[in-house]
Amino acid sequence: MCNSGPLISVIVPVWNAHNYLERCIDSIIHQTYRNLEILLVDDGSSDDSLEICKKYERKDARIKVFHKENGGQGSARNFALDRCHGQYVGFVDNDDWILPTMYERLQELICKYKVNVSRCDDAQSKEEIGKKERSDFLLSKEEFHKEFFCDIVGGHVTDRLFDRKLIKEHRFPYSKTIEDTRFIRQLLPDINGEAFTKEKLYFYTTRENNTSNRYARTYISSFERAVEYQSRYEEAIQFFPAYQDLLLQKSTTFACGCLKILLTSKQKNTTDFKKIAGFLRKYKAEIWKNKSISWKYKLFVLIL
């Protein structure tokens, strides 16, 4: 049990989470790292989530409850970032839960490796949690930049701990599916390395009706990823030529997936279709020469 150490602010956006919220909050208040500030931001719930939060606030002085009009997960996180006081900041989603040693380990890793971000592995089934692997390692500034920029390491904020000096005035941009990735990309120039443990300390709950799954059934998920990787590709042309081939392959794959859905639903004349198709037409020659892009995507681009 760690009763001292720098204050960690744990931010939890809350929206209609009646079936999961108590499990989530219990997992945070029972952390072995005790010096926590827990910010529960009710984002306009229509169920009893706000009442559940207030119940916990009465029981634990570390908990602060806020209520705001619905604005989405990123909006709730930004609301809390403007009000938190911790030297470090972590994020937990209201339908997920964390293992008791998560924040103790993440804070320990930051201190051990003298970096401003640490990360743990995550699990999506209870069987995975039993597989304990304590090995950890360091990604240098250069290694982390490459692996994040090329989407080799995950872009979640929930399995990470951030030094608040790193976040500064950066906030989550509006996005329906990849706000975490876009948030970390803002921090990327100032991240001095990432310490990582293979311990599975964060448990993701997969729900049929959560935001990610809802948008995964439409073109939105592929569209936002395509736009993100197209932006990275064009940045790589200027600054990171070694990343170009991989980013072009990723942006082309997501773009073709997006356009296929839009064509099937007869939305060829939409602004989103034109934006994605315009990129593919602009870089048609580069796509054709890229050996990592499969022929089915090259032919699709060719007939656009």
C-alpha atoms as a PDB file:
ATOM      1  CA  MET A   1       0.000   0.000   0.000  1.00  0.00           C
ATOM      2  CA  CYS A   2       1.471   3.322  -1.116  1.00  0.00           C
ATOM      3  CA  ASN A   3       0.198   6.131   1.113  1.00  0.00           C
ATOM      4  CA  SER A   4       2.583   8.819  -0.107  1.00  0.00           C
ATOM      5  CA  GLY A   5       3.868  10.083  -3.410  1.00  0.00           C
ATOM      6  CA  PRO A   6       2.781  12.733  -5.904  1.00  0.00           C
ATOM      7  CA  LEU A   7      -0.934  13.328  -6.407  1.00  0.00           C
ATOM      8  CA  ILE A   8      -2.465  11.451  -9.341  1.00  0.00           C
ATOM      9  CA  SER A   9      -5.661  12.833 -10.877  1.00  0.00           C
ATOM     10  CA  VAL A  10      -7.891  10.061 -12.260  1.00  0.00           C
ATOM     11  CA  ILE A  11     -10.500  11.348 -14.726  1.00  0.00           C
ATOM     12  CA  VAL A  12     -13.676   9.350 -15.396  1.00  0.00           C
ATOM     13  CA  PRO A  13     -16.243  10.615 -17.936  1.00  0.00           C
ATOM     14  CA  VAL A  14     -19.656   9.252 -16.907  1.00  0.00           C
ATOM     15  CA  TRP A  15     -22.652   8.741 -19.165  1.00  0.00           C
ATOM     16  CA  ASN A  16     -25.548   6.317 -18.597  1.00  0.00           C
ATOM     17  CA  ALA A  17     -23.302   3.722 -16.960  1.00  0.00           C
ATOM     18  CA  HIS A  18     -25.669   2.286 -14.329  1.00  0.00           C
ATOM     19  CA  ASN A  19     -24.638  -1.333 -14.967  1.00  0.00           C
ATOM     20  CA  TYR A  20     -20.878  -0.701 -14.815  1.00  0.00           C
ATOM     21  CA  LEU A  21     -20.176   2.437 -12.820  1.00  0.00           C
ATOM     22  CA  GLU A  22     -19.881   1.006  -9.301  1.00  0.00           C
ATOM     23  CA  ARG A  23     -17.422  -1.635 -10.460  1.00  0.00           C
ATOM     24  CA  CYS A  24     -15.361   1.078 -12.168  1.00  0.00           C
ATOM     25  CA  ILE A  25     -15.272   3.434  -9.171  1.00  0.00           C
ATOM     26  CA  ASP A  26     -14.596   0.595  -6.705  1.00  0.00           C
ATOM     27  CA  SER A  27     -11.554  -0.441  -8.735  1.00  0.00           C
ATOM     28  CA  ILE A  28     -10.154   3.100  -8.506  1.00  0.00           C
ATOM     29  CA  ILE A  29     -10.782   3.757  -4.819  1.00  0.00           C
ATOM     30  CA  HIS A  30      -9.173   0.422  -3.922  1.00  0.00           C
ATOM     31  CA  GLN A  31      -5.894   1.185  -5.680  1.00  0.00           C
ATOM     32  CA  THR A  32      -2.758   0.395  -3.693  1.00  0.00           C
ATOM     33  CA  TYR A  33      -1.596   3.908  -4.644  1.00  0.00           C
ATOM     34  CA  ARG A  34      -3.675   6.001  -2.265  1.00  0.00           C
ATOM     35  CA  ASN A  35      -2.789   9.614  -3.119  1.00  0.00           C
ATOM     36  CA  LEU A  36      -5.481  10.030  -5.750  1.00  0.00           C
ATOM     37  CA  GLU A  37      -7.820  12.783  -6.825  1.00  0.00           C
ATOM     38  CA  ILE A  38     -10.787  11.104  -8.547  1.00  0.00           C
ATOM     39  CA  LEU A  39     -12.831  13.338 -10.850  1.00  0.00           C
ATOM     40  CA  LEU A  40     -16.186  11.892 -11.922  1.00  0.00           C
ATOM     41  CA  VAL A  41     -17.738  14.026 -14.660  1.00  0.00           C
ATOM     42  CA  ASP A  42     -21.379  13.214 -15.349  1.00  0.00           C
ATOM     43  CA  ASP A  43     -21.923  14.133 -18.991  1.00  0.00           C
ATOM     44  CA  GLY A  44     -25.685  14.672 -18.943  1.00  0.00           C
ATOM     45  CA  SER A  45     -26.717  11.118 -18.014  1.00  0.00           C
ATOM     46  CA  SER A  46     -30.418  10.270 -18.244  1.00  0.00           C
ATOM     47  CA  ASP A  47     -30.167   7.337 -15.804  1.00  0.00           C
ATOM     48  CA  ASP A  48     -29.073   7.348 -12.145  1.00  0.00           C
ATOM     49  CA  SER A  49     -25.328   7.601 -12.870  1.00  0.00           C
ATOM     50  CA  LEU A  50     -25.060  11.041 -11.250  1.00  0.00           C
ATOM     51  CA  GLU A  51     -26.699   9.747  -8.054  1.00  0.00           C
ATOM     52  CA  ILE A  52     -24.265   6.825  -7.964  1.00  0.00           C
ATOM     53  CA  CYS A  53     -21.346   9.259  -8.284  1.00  0.00           C
ATOM     54  CA  LYS A  54     -22.672  11.424  -5.463  1.00  0.00           C
ATOM     55  CA  LYS A  55     -23.060   8.367  -3.246  1.00  0.00           C
ATOM     56  CA  TYR A  56     -19.361   7.597  -3.664  1.00  0.00           C
ATOM     57  CA  GLU A  57     -18.434  11.249  -3.142  1.00  0.00           C
ATOM     58  CA  ARG A  58     -20.053  11.087   0.299  1.00  0.00           C
ATOM     59  CA  LYS A  59     -18.017   7.982   1.169  1.00  0.00           C
ATOM     60  CA  ASP A  60     -14.549   8.982  -0.128  1.00  0.00           C
ATOM     61  CA  ALA A  61     -13.081  12.464   0.283  1.00  0.00           C
ATOM     62  CA  ARG A  62     -10.795  11.908  -2.701  1.00  0.00           C
ATOM     63  CA  ILE A  63     -13.794  11.905  -5.066  1.00  0.00           C
ATOM     64  CA  LYS A  64     -15.058  15.080  -6.742  1.00  0.00           C
ATOM     65  CA  VAL A  65     -18.287  14.912  -8.735  1.00  0.00           C
ATOM     66  CA  PHE A  66     -19.207  17.303 -11.544  1.00  0.00           C
ATOM     67  CA  HIS A  67     -22.252  17.540 -13.773  1.00  0.00           C
ATOM     68  CA  LYS A  68     -22.405  19.118 -17.234  1.00  0.00           C
ATOM     69  CA  GLU A  69     -24.579  19.070 -20.313  1.00  0.00           C
ATOM     70  CA  ASN A  70     -23.875  16.203 -22.676  1.00  0.00           C
ATOM     71  CA  GLY A  71     -20.931  16.942 -24.931  1.00  0.00           C
ATOM     72  CA  GLY A  72     -19.211  13.606 -25.399  1.00  0.00           C
ATOM     73  CA  GLN A  73     -16.338  11.789 -23.748  1.00  0.00           C
ATOM     74  CA  GLY A  74     -13.643  14.202 -24.903  1.00  0.00           C
ATOM     75  CA  SER A  75     -15.650  17.157 -23.643  1.00  0.00           C
ATOM     76  CA  ALA A  76     -16.001  15.544 -20.199  1.00  0.00           C
ATOM     77  CA  ARG A  77     -12.280  14.792 -20.053  1.00  0.00           C
ATOM     78  CA  ASN A  78     -11.442  18.366 -21.016  1.00  0.00           C
ATOM     79  CA  PHE A  79     -13.799  19.646 -18.313  1.00  0.00           C
ATOM     80  CA  ALA A  80     -11.855  17.626 -15.734  1.00  0.00           C
ATOM     81  CA  LEU A  81      -8.442  18.606 -17.114  1.00  0.00           C
ATOM     82  CA  ASP A  82      -9.366  22.225 -16.456  1.00  0.00           C
ATOM     83  CA  ARG A  83     -10.075  21.368 -12.800  1.00  0.00           C
ATOM     84  CA  CYS A  84      -7.561  18.692 -11.789  1.00  0.00           C
ATOM     85  CA  HIS A  85      -4.550  19.294  -9.537  1.00  0.00           C
ATOM     86  CA  GLY A  86      -2.425  16.149  -9.811  1.00  0.00           C
ATOM     87  CA  GLN A  87       1.207  15.991 -10.819  1.00  0.00           C
ATOM     88  CA  TYR A  88       0.151  13.014 -12.942  1.00  0.00           C
ATOM     89  CA  VAL A  89      -3.071  12.353 -14.863  1.00  0.00           C
ATOM     90  CA  GLY A  90      -4.789   9.089 -15.736  1.00  0.00           C
ATOM     91  CA  PHE A  91      -8.051   8.281 -17.526  1.00  0.00           C
ATOM     92  CA  VAL A  92     -10.541   5.463 -16.915  1.00  0.00           C
ATOM     93  CA  ASP A  93     -13.712   4.867 -18.954  1.00  0.00           C
ATOM     94  CA  ASN A  94     -16.882   4.383 -16.938  1.00  0.00           C
ATOM     95  CA  ASP A  95     -17.599   0.850 -18.173  1.00  0.00           C
ATOM     96  CA  ASP A  96     -14.021  -0.403 -17.618  1.00  0.00           C
ATOM     97  CA  TRP A  97     -12.125  -1.272 -14.438  1.00  0.00           C
ATOM     98  CA  ILE A  98      -8.516  -1.388 -13.304  1.00  0.00           C
ATOM     99  CA  LEU A  99      -6.472  -3.807 -11.235  1.00  0.00           C
ATOM    100  CA  PRO A 100      -5.416  -2.673  -7.728  1.00  0.00           C
ATOM    101  CA  THR A 101      -1.736  -2.045  -8.523  1.00  0.00           C
ATOM    102  CA  MET A 102      -2.179  -0.175 -11.812  1.00  0.00           C
ATOM    103  CA  TYR A 103      -1.369   3.373 -10.725  1.00  0.00           C
ATOM    104  CA  GLU A 104       1.333   2.270  -8.290  1.00  0.00           C
ATOM    105  CA  ARG A 105       3.095   0.448 -11.132  1.00  0.00           C
ATOM    106  CA  LEU A 106       2.635   3.241 -13.683  1.00  0.00           C
ATOM    107  CA  GLN A 107       3.964   5.891 -11.322  1.00  0.00           C
ATOM    108  CA  GLU A 108       6.864   3.598 -10.412  1.00  0.00           C
ATOM    109  CA  LEU A 109       7.744   3.181 -14.107  1.00  0.00           C
ATOM    110  CA  ILE A 110       7.786   6.933 -14.751  1.00  0.00           C
ATOM    111  CA  CYS A 111      10.194   7.436 -11.856  1.00  0.00           C
ATOM    112  CA  LYS A 112      12.357   4.433 -12.724  1.00  0.00           C
ATOM    113  CA  TYR A 113      12.902   5.381 -16.368  1.00  0.00           C
ATOM    114  CA  LYS A 114      12.632   9.177 -15.961  1.00  0.00           C
ATOM    115  CA  VAL A 115      10.013   9.568 -18.692  1.00  0.00           C
ATOM    116  CA  ASN A 116       6.760  11.526 -18.843  1.00  0.00           C
ATOM    117  CA  VAL A 117       4.458   8.689 -19.991  1.00  0.00           C
ATOM    118  CA  SER A 118       4.010   5.106 -18.827  1.00  0.00           C
ATOM    119  CA  ARG A 119       1.714   2.357 -20.092  1.00  0.00           C
ATOM    120  CA  CYS A 120       0.469  -1.066 -19.030  1.00  0.00           C
ATOM    121  CA  ASP A 121      -0.974  -3.906 -21.063  1.00  0.00           C
ATOM    122  CA  ASP A 122      -4.725  -4.411 -21.090  1.00  0.00           C
ATOM    123  CA  ALA A 123      -7.154  -7.303 -21.014  1.00  0.00           C
ATOM    124  CA  GLN A 124     -10.592  -7.962 -22.456  1.00  0.00           C
ATOM    125  CA  SER A 125     -11.320 -11.292 -20.772  1.00  0.00           C
ATOM    126  CA  LYS A 126     -10.930 -12.459 -17.183  1.00  0.00           C
ATOM    127  CA  GLU A 127      -8.792 -15.375 -18.372  1.00  0.00           C
ATOM    128  CA  GLU A 128      -6.125 -12.908 -19.521  1.00  0.00           C
ATOM    129  CA  ILE A 129      -5.850 -11.325 -16.085  1.00  0.00           C
ATOM    130  CA  GLY A 130      -4.484 -14.525 -14.586  1.00  0.00           C
ATOM    131  CA  LYS A 131      -1.492 -14.377 -16.908  1.00  0.00           C
ATOM    132  CA  LYS A 132       0.904 -12.249 -14.873  1.00  0.00           C
ATOM    133  CA  GLU A 133       3.991 -10.960 -16.630  1.00  0.00           C
ATOM    134  CA  ARG A 134       5.934  -8.287 -14.780  1.00  0.00           C
ATOM    135  CA  SER A 135       8.597  -7.545 -17.369  1.00  0.00           C
ATOM    136  CA  ASP A 136       8.905  -3.900 -18.393  1.00  0.00           C
ATOM    137  CA  PHE A 137      10.989  -1.928 -20.849  1.00  0.00           C
ATOM    138  CA  LEU A 138      11.609   1.533 -22.216  1.00  0.00           C
ATOM    139  CA  LEU A 139      10.849   3.046 -25.591  1.00  0.00           C
ATOM    140  CA  SER A 140      13.176   5.970 -26.207  1.00  0.00           C
ATOM    141  CA  LYS A 141      11.831   9.273 -27.492  1.00  0.00           C
ATOM    142  CA  GLU A 142      12.752   8.327 -31.066  1.00  0.00           C
ATOM    143  CA  GLU A 143      11.398   4.763 -30.789  1.00  0.00           C
ATOM    144  CA  PHE A 144       8.118   5.905 -29.282  1.00  0.00           C
ATOM    145  CA  HIS A 145       7.665   8.611 -31.900  1.00  0.00           C
ATOM    146  CA  LYS A 146       8.080   6.114 -34.731  1.00  0.00           C
ATOM    147  CA  GLU A 147       5.908   3.398 -33.181  1.00  0.00           C
ATOM    148  CA  PHE A 148       3.104   5.781 -32.261  1.00  0.00           C
ATOM    149  CA  PHE A 149       3.220   7.823 -35.480  1.00  0.00           C
ATOM    150  CA  CYS A 150       3.065   4.612 -37.524  1.00  0.00           C
ATOM    151  CA  ASP A 151       0.373   3.102 -35.273  1.00  0.00           C
ATOM    152  CA  ILE A 152       2.541   0.224 -34.064  1.00  0.00           C
ATOM    153  CA  VAL A 153       1.780   0.974 -30.400  1.00  0.00           C
ATOM    154  CA  GLY A 154      -1.795   1.620 -29.291  1.00  0.00           C
ATOM    155  CA  GLY A 155      -3.250   5.085 -29.003  1.00  0.00           C
ATOM    156  CA  HIS A 156      -5.430   4.683 -25.895  1.00  0.00           C
ATOM    157  CA  VAL A 157      -5.064   7.132 -23.015  1.00  0.00           C
ATOM    158  CA  THR A 158      -6.787   4.829 -20.531  1.00  0.00           C
ATOM    159  CA  ASP A 159      -3.895   2.372 -20.083  1.00  0.00           C
ATOM    160  CA  ARG A 160      -1.408   5.215 -19.622  1.00  0.00           C
ATOM    161  CA  LEU A 161      -0.269   7.683 -16.963  1.00  0.00           C
ATOM    162  CA  PHE A 162       0.832  11.167 -18.072  1.00  0.00           C
ATOM    163  CA  ASP A 163       2.980  13.784 -16.397  1.00  0.00           C
ATOM    164  CA  ARG A 164       0.674  16.808 -16.223  1.00  0.00           C
ATOM    165  CA  LYS A 165       3.506  19.077 -17.406  1.00  0.00           C
ATOM    166  CA  LEU A 166       3.342  17.162 -20.679  1.00  0.00           C
ATOM    167  CA  ILE A 167      -0.373  17.839 -21.165  1.00  0.00           C
ATOM    168  CA  LYS A 168      -0.137  21.577 -20.431  1.00  0.00           C
ATOM    169  CA  GLU A 169      -2.935  23.327 -22.359  1.00  0.00           C
ATOM    170  CA  HIS A 170      -3.525  20.463 -24.799  1.00  0.00           C
ATOM    171  CA  ARG A 171      -7.083  19.127 -24.840  1.00  0.00           C
ATOM    172  CA  PHE A 172      -9.028  16.352 -26.576  1.00  0.00           C
ATOM    173  CA  PRO A 173     -10.160  17.419 -30.053  1.00  0.00           C
ATOM    174  CA  TYR A 174     -13.681  16.557 -31.132  1.00  0.00           C
ATOM    175  CA  SER A 175     -13.716  13.139 -32.750  1.00  0.00           C
ATOM    176  CA  LYS A 176     -16.253  10.320 -32.844  1.00  0.00           C
ATOM    177  CA  THR A 177     -13.831   7.389 -32.746  1.00  0.00           C
ATOM    178  CA  ILE A 178     -10.136   8.314 -32.368  1.00  0.00           C
ATOM    179  CA  GLU A 179      -9.993  11.221 -29.933  1.00  0.00           C
ATOM    180  CA  ASP A 180      -7.383   9.389 -27.812  1.00  0.00           C
ATOM    181  CA  THR A 181      -5.012   9.045 -30.751  1.00  0.00           C
ATOM    182  CA  ARG A 182      -5.469  12.648 -31.797  1.00  0.00           C
ATOM    183  CA  PHE A 183      -4.889  13.830 -28.237  1.00  0.00           C
ATOM    184  CA  ILE A 184      -1.596  11.915 -27.884  1.00  0.00           C
ATOM    185  CA  ARG A 185      -0.454  13.147 -31.284  1.00  0.00           C
ATOM    186  CA  GLN A 186      -0.581  16.696 -29.891  1.00  0.00           C
ATOM    187  CA  LEU A 187       1.735  15.610 -27.075  1.00  0.00           C
ATOM    188  CA  LEU A 188       4.111  13.674 -29.312  1.00  0.00           C
ATOM    189  CA  PRO A 189       6.835  16.338 -29.777  1.00  0.00           C
ATOM    190  CA  ASP A 190       7.273  16.623 -25.991  1.00  0.00           C
ATOM    191  CA  ILE A 191       7.095  12.932 -25.019  1.00  0.00           C
ATOM    192  CA  ASN A 192      10.624  11.998 -23.904  1.00  0.00           C
ATOM    193  CA  GLY A 193      10.010   8.245 -23.956  1.00  0.00           C
ATOM    194  CA  GLU A 194       7.473   5.710 -22.716  1.00  0.00           C
ATOM    195  CA  ALA A 195       7.937   3.055 -20.042  1.00  0.00           C
ATOM    196  CA  PHE A 196       5.794  -0.052 -20.592  1.00  0.00           C
ATOM    197  CA  THR A 197       4.893  -3.055 -18.468  1.00  0.00           C
ATOM    198  CA  LYS A 198       3.446  -6.265 -19.893  1.00  0.00           C
ATOM    199  CA  GLU A 199       1.273  -6.636 -16.824  1.00  0.00           C
ATOM    200  CA  LYS A 200      -2.416  -6.603 -17.778  1.00  0.00           C
ATOM    201  CA  LEU A 201      -3.685  -3.947 -15.389  1.00  0.00           C
ATOM    202  CA  TYR A 202      -6.521  -2.314 -17.341  1.00  0.00           C
ATOM    203  CA  PHE A 203      -9.693  -4.238 -18.202  1.00  0.00           C
ATOM    204  CA  TYR A 204     -11.677  -3.121 -21.248  1.00  0.00           C
ATOM    205  CA  THR A 205     -15.387  -3.899 -21.364  1.00  0.00           C
ATOM    206  CA  THR A 206     -16.697  -4.483 -24.870  1.00  0.00           C
ATOM    207  CA  ARG A 207     -20.310  -3.362 -25.200  1.00  0.00           C
ATOM    208  CA  GLU A 208     -22.464  -3.761 -28.289  1.00  0.00           C
ATOM    209  CA  ASN A 209     -23.935  -0.273 -27.941  1.00  0.00           C
ATOM    210  CA  ASN A 210     -20.845   1.702 -26.958  1.00  0.00           C
ATOM    211  CA  THR A 211     -19.655   4.570 -29.121  1.00  0.00           C
ATOM    212  CA  SER A 212     -16.811   2.707 -30.840  1.00  0.00           C
ATOM    213  CA  ASN A 213     -18.972  -0.247 -31.828  1.00  0.00           C
ATOM    214  CA  ARG A 214     -21.813   1.968 -33.068  1.00  0.00           C
ATOM    215  CA  TYR A 215     -19.520   3.910 -35.385  1.00  0.00           C
ATOM    216  CA  ALA A 216     -17.636   0.776 -36.447  1.00  0.00           C
ATOM    217  CA  ARG A 217     -20.835  -0.314 -38.219  1.00  0.00           C
ATOM    218  CA  THR A 218     -20.826   2.867 -40.329  1.00  0.00           C
ATOM    219  CA  TYR A 219     -18.248   4.560 -42.528  1.00  0.00           C
ATOM    220  CA  ILE A 220     -17.292   6.979 -39.702  1.00  0.00           C
ATOM    221  CA  SER A 221     -14.634   4.775 -38.111  1.00  0.00           C
ATOM    222  CA  SER A 222     -12.821   4.156 -41.410  1.00  0.00           C
ATOM    223  CA  PHE A 223     -13.265   7.800 -42.428  1.00  0.00           C
ATOM    224  CA  GLU A 224     -11.689   9.270 -39.291  1.00  0.00           C
ATOM    225  CA  ARG A 225      -8.797   6.834 -39.420  1.00  0.00           C
ATOM    226  CA  ALA A 226      -8.242   7.487 -43.103  1.00  0.00           C
ATOM    227  CA  VAL A 227      -8.152  11.252 -42.518  1.00  0.00           C
ATOM    228  CA  GLU A 228      -5.749  10.828 -39.583  1.00  0.00           C
ATOM    229  CA  TYR A 229      -3.318   8.626 -41.543  1.00  0.00           C
ATOM    230  CA  GLN A 230      -3.539  10.839 -44.605  1.00  0.00           C
ATOM    231  CA  SER A 231      -2.523  13.768 -42.414  1.00  0.00           C
ATOM    232  CA  ARG A 232       0.362  11.759 -40.976  1.00  0.00           C
ATOM    233  CA  TYR A 233       1.462  10.674 -44.440  1.00  0.00           C
ATOM    234  CA  GLU A 234       1.633  14.239 -45.676  1.00  0.00           C
ATOM    235  CA  GLU A 235       3.606  15.225 -42.567  1.00  0.00           C
ATOM    236  CA  ALA A 236       5.949  12.285 -43.154  1.00  0.00           C
ATOM    237  CA  ILE A 237       6.622  13.426 -46.739  1.00  0.00           C
ATOM    238  CA  GLN A 238       8.155  16.579 -45.313  1.00  0.00           C
ATOM    239  CA  PHE A 239       9.710  15.415 -42.057  1.00  0.00           C
ATOM    240  CA  PHE A 240       9.815  11.583 -41.745  1.00  0.00           C
ATOM    241  CA  PRO A 241      10.482   9.955 -45.134  1.00  0.00           C
ATOM    242  CA  ALA A 242      11.191   6.589 -43.522  1.00  0.00           C
ATOM    243  CA  TYR A 243       7.546   6.407 -42.388  1.00  0.00           C
ATOM    244  CA  GLN A 244       5.989   7.159 -45.772  1.00  0.00           C
ATOM    245  CA  ASP A 245       5.362   3.669 -47.162  1.00  0.00           C
ATOM    246  CA  LEU A 246       3.672   2.324 -44.039  1.00  0.00           C
ATOM    247  CA  LEU A 247       1.494   5.403 -43.549  1.00  0.00           C
ATOM    248  CA  LEU A 248       0.435   5.427 -47.200  1.00  0.00           C
ATOM    249  CA  GLN A 249      -0.529   1.757 -46.883  1.00  0.00           C
ATOM    250  CA  LYS A 250      -2.623   2.461 -43.769  1.00  0.00           C
ATOM    251  CA  SER A 251      -4.293   5.570 -45.167  1.00  0.00           C
ATOM    252  CA  THR A 252      -5.122   3.793 -48.445  1.00  0.00           C
ATOM    253  CA  THR A 253      -6.587   0.760 -46.701  1.00  0.00           C
ATOM    254  CA  PHE A 254      -8.883   2.806 -44.458  1.00  0.00           C
ATOM    255  CA  ALA A 255      -9.803   5.159 -47.308  1.00  0.00           C
ATOM    256  CA  CYS A 256     -10.873   2.309 -49.589  1.00  0.00           C
ATOM    257  CA  GLY A 257     -12.904   0.747 -46.777  1.00  0.00           C
ATOM    258  CA  CYS A 258     -14.640   4.067 -46.160  1.00  0.00           C
ATOM    259  CA  LEU A 259     -15.383   4.683 -49.845  1.00  0.00           C
ATOM    260  CA  LYS A 260     -16.766   1.181 -50.310  1.00  0.00           C
ATOM    261  CA  ILE A 261     -19.331   1.776 -47.544  1.00  0.00           C
ATOM    262  CA  LEU A 262     -20.249   5.204 -48.952  1.00  0.00           C
ATOM    263  CA  LEU A 263     -20.648   3.791 -52.472  1.00  0.00           C
ATOM    264  CA  THR A 264     -22.813   0.936 -51.209  1.00  0.00           C
ATOM    265  CA  SER A 265     -25.069   3.407 -49.402  1.00  0.00           C
ATOM    266  CA  LYS A 266     -25.140   5.717 -52.456  1.00  0.00           C
ATOM    267  CA  GLN A 267     -23.317   8.619 -50.798  1.00  0.00           C
ATOM    268  CA  LYS A 268     -20.840   9.301 -53.586  1.00  0.00           C
ATOM    269  CA  ASN A 269     -21.554  13.030 -53.698  1.00  0.00           C
ATOM    270  CA  THR A 270     -20.941  13.719 -50.006  1.00  0.00           C
ATOM    271  CA  THR A 271     -18.173  15.987 -48.722  1.00  0.00           C
ATOM    272  CA  ASP A 272     -16.584  13.067 -46.857  1.00  0.00           C
ATOM    273  CA  PHE A 273     -16.449  10.927 -50.026  1.00  0.00           C
ATOM    274  CA  LYS A 274     -14.858  13.730 -52.019  1.00  0.00           C
ATOM    275  CA  LYS A 275     -12.266  14.395 -49.301  1.00  0.00           C
ATOM    276  CA  ILE A 276     -11.106  10.787 -49.137  1.00  0.00           C
ATOM    277  CA  ALA A 277     -11.253  10.191 -52.888  1.00  0.00           C
ATOM    278  CA  GLY A 278      -9.311  13.400 -53.497  1.00  0.00           C
ATOM    279  CA  PHE A 279      -6.369  12.124 -51.445  1.00  0.00           C
ATOM    280  CA  LEU A 280      -6.308   8.798 -53.312  1.00  0.00           C
ATOM    281  CA  ARG A 281      -6.374  10.546 -56.679  1.00  0.00           C
ATOM    282  CA  LYS A 282      -3.628  12.967 -55.602  1.00  0.00           C
ATOM    283  CA  TYR A 283      -1.282  10.149 -54.573  1.00  0.00           C
ATOM    284  CA  LYS A 284      -2.373   7.567 -57.150  1.00  0.00           C
ATOM    285  CA  ALA A 285       1.146   7.175 -58.572  1.00  0.00           C
ATOM    286  CA  GLU A 286       2.696   6.705 -55.115  1.00  0.00           C
ATOM    287  CA  ILE A 287       0.004   4.156 -54.204  1.00  0.00           C
ATOM    288  CA  TRP A 288       0.636   2.227 -57.400  1.00  0.00           C
ATOM    289  CA  LYS A 289       4.384   2.012 -56.635  1.00  0.00           C
ATOM    290  CA  ASN A 290       3.940   1.047 -52.967  1.00  0.00           C
ATOM    291  CA  LYS A 291       4.749  -2.672 -52.643  1.00  0.00           C
ATOM    292  CA  SER A 292       2.950  -3.054 -49.297  1.00  0.00           C
ATOM    293  CA  ILE A 293      -0.439  -2.061 -50.750  1.00  0.00           C
ATOM    294  CA  SER A 294      -2.404  -5.014 -52.123  1.00  0.00           C
ATOM    295  CA  TRP A 295      -3.585  -5.147 -55.718  1.00  0.00           C
ATOM    296  CA  LYS A 296      -7.260  -4.970 -54.797  1.00  0.00           C
ATOM    297  CA  TYR A 297      -6.740  -1.533 -53.270  1.00  0.00           C
ATOM    298  CA  LYS A 298      -4.581  -0.356 -56.173  1.00  0.00           C
ATOM    299  CA  LEU A 299      -7.261  -1.391 -58.672  1.00  0.00           C
ATOM    300  CA  PHE A 300      -9.926   0.325 -56.590  1.00  0.00           C
ATOM    301  CA  VAL A 301      -7.925   3.550 -56.652  1.00  0.00           C
ATOM    302  CA  LEU A 302      -7.241   3.175 -60.358  1.00  0.00           C
ATOM    303  CA  ILE A 303     -10.949   3.162 -61.280  1.00  0.00           C
ATOM    304  CA  LEU A 304     -11.916   6.092 -59.003  1.00  0.00           C
END
